[in-house]
Amino acid sequence: MEDLVSIIIPVYNTEAYLRDCVQSALAQSYPHFELILIDDGSEDGSASLCASLCGEDRRIRFLPRPHMGVSTARNAGMEAAGGKYLFFLDSDDTMHPLLLEALVHLCEGTGAALATEVYRHVKAAEARDIMDSRRDGDDRSWEYTYMDNGEALRQFSSFENGYNFHGIGGKLVRRDAAGELRFRERMGNSEDTLFIYQLLEQGLDAVILWKEWYEYRKHPGGSSRRLSIQACKDSYQCQRYIRSREEAREGETGVSFWTVLISAHLRRLYVRSRRHDSREMILYLRELAREESESSRFSLIPWKERVKHYMAFRCYPLYVPLHGIMTLRWKIREWKQKRAREREGWNG
């Protein structure tokens, strides 16, 4: 395989994690790639580090830009890319040395234009050797699931594998299949979920590699930890847009999934806002919650979800222990699924 892959890494104030990220890309077993670092006007030492890394390896290109947001940075990377495939990597994440090879192999073998894998969530303080010894021992008999476009869209709006699609990190996209589609630049949150959905709307088939080979690093400065009205508004608009599109495509099935997802997202943000005593966010979320509960779509979701919604926004003291129980159950379920994947050899 000699198809060039353009690895696109937007950078903003991630100096503490950037070298690990870049080294994990340079360690790939698939040799035919270029690495494009787009610094989005960082205020720490990220830009200087980008320039230094660029001087260390000829495969790295550095595009410094004024601060205009992650979507603008990714779009700049897409415009500069020369590869047959685009691979998106966030600057605070890392990936397994075999990931590019596996995803390109699966796309070439199945004809899929979009490929992803399973995320591994790690804490900022956790470190893992990116030059993993498993690289030499893997027999490359990778388990995967191919989905035609209809099935990929169905999975996107389901609790089966939807989460594997709802983020751009770790996604390989055939460049010609993306066409003129770009990230929505006025959005600073959930822009990647919207981008992937719009890719699938263009008719792309997809494939999932059943390996936890993309490490999503959770830390206080991460985009998923932002608590602001604008971030909430972006996510809500994205989810509502997809819900309306799925309503037209699938009817009540798509509506129910996204209404549950919206309610759960609002509740999580509400809990965080109450804990931080963010009065403006609390009032804003209450208004969105009221809109949702008064919508005709709300009656389509399971009664348990409606009860949780009403408890969170109308009887918060009773909801707090319920939220704690749900969080614990989710962590236990995630742990069990991880153990099951390890037994089945997903992690490799």
Protein backbone atom coordinates (compact mmCIF):
# COMPACT_ATOMS: atom_id res chain seq x y z
CA MET A 1 0.00 0.00 0.00
CA GLU A 2 1.46 3.34 -1.04
CA ASP A 3 -1.51 5.67 -0.65
CA LEU A 4 -0.49 8.84 1.16
CA VAL A 5 -2.28 9.65 4.42
CA SER A 6 -2.43 13.26 5.61
CA ILE A 7 -2.48 13.34 9.41
CA ILE A 8 -4.16 16.58 10.48
CA ILE A 9 -3.44 17.82 14.02
CA PRO A 10 -4.98 21.13 15.16
CA VAL A 11 -3.00 22.57 18.08
CA TYR A 12 -4.11 25.03 20.74
CA ASN A 13 -2.40 25.33 24.14
CA THR A 14 -1.49 21.64 24.39
CA GLU A 15 2.25 21.97 24.88
CA ALA A 16 2.21 19.42 27.73
CA TYR A 17 0.80 16.66 25.49
CA LEU A 18 1.88 17.57 21.97
CA ARG A 19 5.20 15.72 21.79
CA ASP A 20 3.59 12.44 22.89
CA CYS A 21 0.89 12.96 20.27
CA VAL A 22 3.36 13.62 17.44
CA GLN A 23 5.64 10.76 18.46
CA SER A 24 2.72 8.34 18.34
CA ALA A 25 2.07 9.49 14.77
CA LEU A 26 5.72 9.24 13.73
CA ALA A 27 5.86 5.71 15.18
CA GLN A 28 3.28 4.38 12.71
CA SER A 29 4.09 1.14 10.91
CA TYR A 30 2.43 2.62 7.80
CA PRO A 31 5.20 4.79 6.32
CA HIS A 32 3.34 6.76 3.67
CA PHE A 33 2.07 9.79 5.52
CA GLU A 34 2.54 13.50 6.00
CA LEU A 35 1.87 15.15 9.34
CA ILE A 36 0.32 18.63 9.30
CA LEU A 37 0.46 20.66 12.52
CA ILE A 38 -1.85 23.68 12.51
CA ASP A 39 -1.24 25.95 15.48
CA ASP A 40 -4.38 27.97 16.21
CA GLY A 41 -2.68 30.96 17.85
CA SER A 42 -1.59 29.12 21.00
CA GLU A 43 -0.71 31.22 24.03
CA ASP A 44 1.64 28.68 25.62
CA GLY A 45 4.74 27.17 24.03
CA SER A 46 2.84 25.00 21.54
CA ALA A 47 3.80 27.02 18.46
CA SER A 48 7.51 26.91 19.32
CA LEU A 49 7.25 23.17 19.92
CA CYS A 50 5.52 22.72 16.56
CA ALA A 51 8.36 24.56 14.83
CA SER A 52 10.94 22.46 16.68
CA LEU A 53 9.20 19.19 15.79
CA CYS A 54 8.97 20.27 12.17
CA GLY A 55 12.73 20.68 12.10
CA GLU A 56 13.24 17.20 13.53
CA ASP A 57 11.36 15.24 10.85
CA ARG A 58 10.84 16.10 7.18
CA ARG A 59 7.40 14.46 7.19
CA ILE A 60 6.07 17.23 9.44
CA ARG A 61 4.60 20.45 8.06
CA PHE A 62 3.81 23.41 10.31
CA LEU A 63 1.03 25.92 9.60
CA PRO A 64 0.94 28.75 12.20
CA ARG A 65 -2.31 30.73 12.22
CA PRO A 66 -4.06 33.37 14.33
CA HIS A 67 -6.58 32.02 16.81
CA MET A 68 -9.80 31.33 14.89
CA GLY A 69 -10.99 28.06 16.42
CA VAL A 70 -10.47 24.34 15.91
CA SER A 71 -12.81 24.11 12.91
CA THR A 72 -10.86 26.74 10.98
CA ALA A 73 -7.61 24.96 11.89
CA ARG A 74 -8.89 21.58 10.68
CA ASN A 75 -10.20 23.16 7.48
CA ALA A 76 -6.78 24.70 6.86
CA GLY A 77 -5.25 21.26 7.30
CA MET A 78 -7.72 19.77 4.83
CA GLU A 79 -6.87 22.44 2.27
CA ALA A 80 -3.14 21.82 2.68
CA ALA A 81 -3.42 18.02 2.63
CA GLY A 82 -2.05 16.11 -0.32
CA GLY A 83 -3.01 12.58 0.69
CA LYS A 84 -5.58 10.16 -0.66
CA TYR A 85 -6.78 9.80 2.93
CA LEU A 86 -7.24 12.31 5.74
CA PHE A 87 -6.64 11.18 9.31
CA PHE A 88 -7.68 13.40 12.21
CA LEU A 89 -5.70 13.34 15.45
CA ASP A 90 -6.25 15.72 18.37
CA SER A 91 -3.08 17.20 19.81
CA ASP A 92 -3.66 15.85 23.34
CA ASP A 93 -4.37 12.27 22.18
CA THR A 94 -2.17 9.39 21.02
CA MET A 95 -2.59 6.32 18.83
CA HIS A 96 -1.24 2.80 18.52
CA PRO A 97 1.64 2.26 16.04
CA LEU A 98 -0.46 -0.07 13.86
CA LEU A 99 -3.55 2.12 13.61
CA LEU A 100 -2.94 3.82 10.25
CA GLU A 101 -1.88 0.57 8.63
CA ALA A 102 -5.01 -1.17 9.87
CA LEU A 103 -7.44 1.57 8.81
CA VAL A 104 -5.93 2.02 5.35
CA HIS A 105 -5.94 -1.75 4.87
CA LEU A 106 -9.61 -1.98 5.83
CA CYS A 107 -10.66 0.92 3.60
CA GLU A 108 -8.77 -0.48 0.65
CA GLY A 109 -10.10 -3.99 1.28
CA THR A 110 -13.75 -3.12 1.84
CA GLY A 111 -14.13 0.02 -0.25
CA ALA A 112 -15.29 2.00 2.79
CA ALA A 113 -14.59 5.73 2.66
CA LEU A 114 -14.72 6.23 6.45
CA ALA A 115 -12.91 4.16 9.05
CA THR A 116 -12.72 4.36 12.82
CA GLU A 117 -11.72 2.29 15.84
CA VAL A 118 -12.63 2.05 19.51
CA TYR A 119 -11.55 4.83 21.88
CA ARG A 120 -9.54 4.13 24.99
CA HIS A 121 -10.17 6.85 27.60
CA VAL A 122 -7.12 7.68 29.72
CA LYS A 123 -6.51 10.25 32.41
CA ALA A 124 -3.97 12.99 31.85
CA ALA A 125 -1.60 11.54 34.44
CA GLU A 126 -1.65 8.08 32.91
CA ALA A 127 1.20 7.30 30.56
CA ARG A 128 1.55 4.40 28.15
CA ASP A 129 4.54 3.40 26.07
CA ILE A 130 3.54 4.42 22.54
CA MET A 131 6.32 2.24 21.14
CA ASP A 132 4.28 -0.72 22.35
CA SER A 133 5.94 -4.13 22.13
CA ARG A 134 2.70 -5.49 20.68
CA ARG A 135 3.61 -3.81 17.41
CA ASP A 136 5.94 -6.66 16.42
CA GLY A 137 3.67 -9.41 17.71
CA ASP A 138 0.41 -8.47 16.01
CA ASP A 139 -0.57 -10.95 13.31
CA ARG A 140 -2.68 -8.33 11.52
CA SER A 141 -5.77 -10.53 11.52
CA TRP A 142 -7.90 -7.60 12.64
CA GLU A 143 -11.53 -7.95 13.61
CA TYR A 144 -13.76 -5.35 12.01
CA THR A 145 -17.34 -4.56 10.99
CA TYR A 146 -18.17 -3.15 7.57
CA MET A 147 -21.34 -1.10 7.17
CA ASP A 148 -22.96 0.15 4.01
CA ASN A 149 -24.23 3.71 4.17
CA GLY A 150 -27.70 2.84 5.43
CA GLU A 151 -26.34 0.71 8.25
CA ALA A 152 -23.69 3.32 9.13
CA LEU A 153 -26.38 5.99 9.46
CA ARG A 154 -28.48 3.65 11.58
CA GLN A 155 -25.54 2.88 13.86
CA PHE A 156 -24.72 6.60 14.14
CA SER A 157 -28.13 7.11 15.72
CA SER A 158 -28.09 4.12 18.03
CA PHE A 159 -26.68 3.02 21.37
CA GLU A 160 -24.86 0.13 19.67
CA ASN A 161 -21.90 1.90 18.09
CA GLY A 162 -23.03 5.50 17.83
CA TYR A 163 -20.39 6.67 20.29
CA ASN A 164 -17.64 5.36 17.99
CA PHE A 165 -18.79 7.83 15.35
CA HIS A 166 -19.41 10.94 17.46
CA GLY A 167 -15.92 12.44 17.45
CA ILE A 168 -13.39 13.19 14.72
CA GLY A 169 -10.28 11.93 16.55
CA GLY A 170 -9.10 8.64 15.05
CA LYS A 171 -11.19 8.91 11.88
CA LEU A 172 -9.72 8.06 8.48
CA VAL A 173 -11.64 9.64 5.58
CA ARG A 174 -11.02 9.20 1.87
CA ARG A 175 -10.36 12.71 0.66
CA ASP A 176 -12.34 12.56 -2.58
CA ALA A 177 -15.37 11.22 -0.67
CA ALA A 178 -15.31 14.26 1.65
CA GLY A 179 -15.41 16.50 -1.41
CA GLU A 180 -16.07 20.13 -0.53
CA LEU A 181 -17.47 19.39 2.92
CA ARG A 182 -15.68 21.27 5.70
CA PHE A 183 -16.10 21.79 9.43
CA ARG A 184 -18.58 24.50 10.37
CA GLU A 185 -16.30 27.30 11.48
CA ARG A 186 -18.76 29.24 13.61
CA MET A 187 -19.13 26.20 15.87
CA GLY A 188 -16.63 25.56 18.65
CA ASN A 189 -18.22 22.43 20.07
CA SER A 190 -19.77 19.29 18.48
CA GLU A 191 -18.55 20.50 15.08
CA ASP A 192 -16.87 17.13 14.58
CA THR A 193 -20.05 15.12 15.25
CA LEU A 194 -21.89 17.29 12.73
CA PHE A 195 -19.08 16.85 10.19
CA ILE A 196 -19.18 13.06 10.45
CA TYR A 197 -22.96 12.98 10.16
CA GLN A 198 -22.82 15.15 7.05
CA LEU A 199 -20.16 12.83 5.62
CA LEU A 200 -22.52 9.90 6.07
CA GLU A 201 -25.35 11.91 4.53
CA GLN A 202 -23.18 12.14 1.41
CA GLY A 203 -23.45 8.35 1.08
CA LEU A 204 -20.21 7.06 2.62
CA ASP A 205 -19.83 3.45 3.71
CA ALA A 206 -17.91 2.86 6.95
CA VAL A 207 -15.83 0.30 8.79
CA ILE A 208 -15.05 -0.07 12.52
CA LEU A 209 -11.81 -1.69 13.66
CA TRP A 210 -12.39 -3.52 16.94
CA LYS A 211 -9.18 -2.39 18.59
CA GLU A 212 -8.85 0.22 21.35
CA TRP A 213 -6.06 1.92 19.45
CA TYR A 214 -6.95 5.58 19.89
CA GLU A 215 -6.23 7.07 23.30
CA TYR A 216 -8.54 9.93 24.19
CA ARG A 217 -6.88 11.86 26.99
CA LYS A 218 -9.16 13.45 29.58
CA HIS A 219 -7.75 16.52 31.30
CA PRO A 220 -9.12 19.77 32.77
CA GLY A 221 -8.30 21.83 29.68
CA GLY A 222 -9.89 19.44 27.19
CA SER A 223 -12.68 20.68 24.92
CA SER A 224 -15.16 18.20 26.37
CA ARG A 225 -14.70 19.82 29.81
CA ARG A 226 -15.71 23.31 28.73
CA LEU A 227 -18.69 24.70 30.57
CA SER A 228 -20.10 27.70 28.74
CA ILE A 229 -23.34 28.81 27.20
CA GLN A 230 -21.78 28.96 23.73
CA ALA A 231 -20.43 25.40 23.98
CA CYS A 232 -23.82 24.21 25.19
CA LYS A 233 -25.57 26.10 22.39
CA ASP A 234 -23.29 24.55 19.75
CA SER A 235 -23.91 21.02 21.03
CA TYR A 236 -27.66 21.57 21.32
CA GLN A 237 -27.92 22.99 17.81
CA CYS A 238 -25.89 20.09 16.41
CA GLN A 239 -28.06 17.50 18.15
CA ARG A 240 -31.29 19.20 17.11
CA TYR A 241 -30.11 19.44 13.50
CA ILE A 242 -29.28 15.74 13.36
CA ARG A 243 -32.56 14.86 15.09
CA SER A 244 -34.55 16.77 12.50
CA ARG A 245 -32.67 15.09 9.66
CA GLU A 246 -33.17 11.67 11.20
CA GLU A 247 -36.85 12.41 11.77
CA ALA A 248 -37.22 13.04 8.04
CA ARG A 249 -35.20 9.92 7.20
CA GLU A 250 -36.28 7.39 9.83
CA GLY A 251 -39.33 8.81 11.58
CA GLU A 252 -39.88 8.09 15.27
CA THR A 253 -36.86 5.77 15.64
CA GLY A 254 -34.30 8.51 14.97
CA VAL A 255 -36.31 11.06 16.97
CA SER A 256 -36.40 8.90 20.09
CA PHE A 257 -32.64 8.24 20.16
CA TRP A 258 -31.65 11.88 19.73
CA THR A 259 -34.26 13.16 22.17
CA VAL A 260 -32.91 10.79 24.84
CA LEU A 261 -29.37 11.89 23.97
CA ILE A 262 -30.28 15.58 24.18
CA SER A 263 -32.00 15.13 27.54
CA ALA A 264 -29.04 13.19 28.96
CA HIS A 265 -26.59 15.82 27.70
CA LEU A 266 -28.59 18.66 29.23
CA ARG A 267 -28.80 16.80 32.55
CA ARG A 268 -25.04 16.21 32.68
CA LEU A 269 -24.36 19.87 32.00
CA TYR A 270 -26.95 20.86 34.59
CA VAL A 271 -25.28 18.77 37.28
CA ARG A 272 -21.90 20.33 36.47
CA SER A 273 -23.43 23.83 36.47
CA ARG A 274 -25.02 23.27 39.86
CA ARG A 275 -21.73 21.99 41.27
CA HIS A 276 -19.90 25.06 39.94
CA ASP A 277 -22.76 27.35 40.99
CA SER A 278 -22.88 28.80 37.47
CA ARG A 279 -26.12 30.73 37.71
CA GLU A 280 -26.21 31.86 34.09
CA MET A 281 -25.70 28.30 32.82
CA ILE A 282 -28.31 26.94 35.24
CA LEU A 283 -30.96 29.33 33.94
CA TYR A 284 -30.00 28.70 30.31
CA LEU A 285 -30.17 24.91 30.71
CA ARG A 286 -33.53 25.13 32.47
CA GLU A 287 -34.91 27.00 29.47
CA LEU A 288 -33.59 24.38 27.03
CA ALA A 289 -34.98 21.61 29.24
CA ARG A 290 -38.38 23.31 29.24
CA GLU A 291 -38.30 23.50 25.43
CA GLU A 292 -37.54 19.81 25.22
CA SER A 293 -40.22 18.72 27.68
CA GLU A 294 -42.87 20.77 25.87
CA SER A 295 -41.96 19.35 22.47
CA SER A 296 -44.20 16.70 20.92
CA ARG A 297 -41.08 14.57 20.42
CA PHE A 298 -40.61 14.27 24.19
CA SER A 299 -43.57 11.90 24.51
CA LEU A 300 -41.82 9.43 22.19
CA ILE A 301 -38.99 8.61 24.60
CA PRO A 302 -39.20 5.94 27.37
CA TRP A 303 -41.02 7.02 30.52
CA LYS A 304 -37.93 6.43 32.66
CA GLU A 305 -36.04 9.03 30.63
CA ARG A 306 -38.89 11.51 31.05
CA VAL A 307 -38.88 10.93 34.80
CA LYS A 308 -35.12 11.55 35.02
CA HIS A 309 -35.54 14.73 32.97
CA TYR A 310 -38.27 16.10 35.24
CA MET A 311 -36.39 15.12 38.41
CA ALA A 312 -33.19 16.84 37.27
CA PHE A 313 -34.78 20.14 36.40
CA ARG A 314 -37.69 20.26 38.83
CA CYS A 315 -36.49 18.32 41.87
CA TYR A 316 -32.72 18.50 41.78
CA PRO A 317 -32.05 17.36 45.41
CA LEU A 318 -33.77 14.04 44.64
CA TYR A 319 -31.96 13.71 41.33
CA VAL A 320 -28.45 14.01 42.83
CA PRO A 321 -28.32 10.50 44.37
CA LEU A 322 -29.99 9.08 41.24
CA HIS A 323 -27.30 10.70 39.09
CA GLY A 324 -24.64 9.19 41.34
CA ILE A 325 -26.15 5.73 40.96
CA MET A 326 -26.42 6.09 37.19
CA THR A 327 -22.81 7.25 36.97
CA LEU A 328 -21.65 4.29 39.04
CA ARG A 329 -23.66 1.86 36.92
CA TRP A 330 -22.20 3.39 33.76
CA LYS A 331 -18.65 3.02 35.11
CA ILE A 332 -19.29 -0.61 36.07
CA ARG A 333 -20.78 -1.35 32.65
CA GLU A 334 -17.82 0.33 30.96
CA TRP A 335 -15.40 -1.71 33.08
CA LYS A 336 -17.21 -4.95 32.23
CA GLN A 337 -17.20 -4.12 28.53
CA LYS A 338 -13.50 -3.33 28.69
CA ARG A 339 -12.79 -6.66 30.39
CA ALA A 340 -14.87 -8.46 27.78
CA ARG A 341 -12.98 -6.75 24.95
CA GLU A 342 -9.67 -7.66 26.56
CA ARG A 343 -10.72 -11.32 26.77
CA GLU A 344 -11.75 -11.24 23.11
CA GLY A 345 -8.40 -9.75 22.15
CA TRP A 346 -9.64 -6.36 20.94
CA ASN A 347 -6.77 -4.48 22.48
CA GLY A 348 -4.11 -6.52 20.71
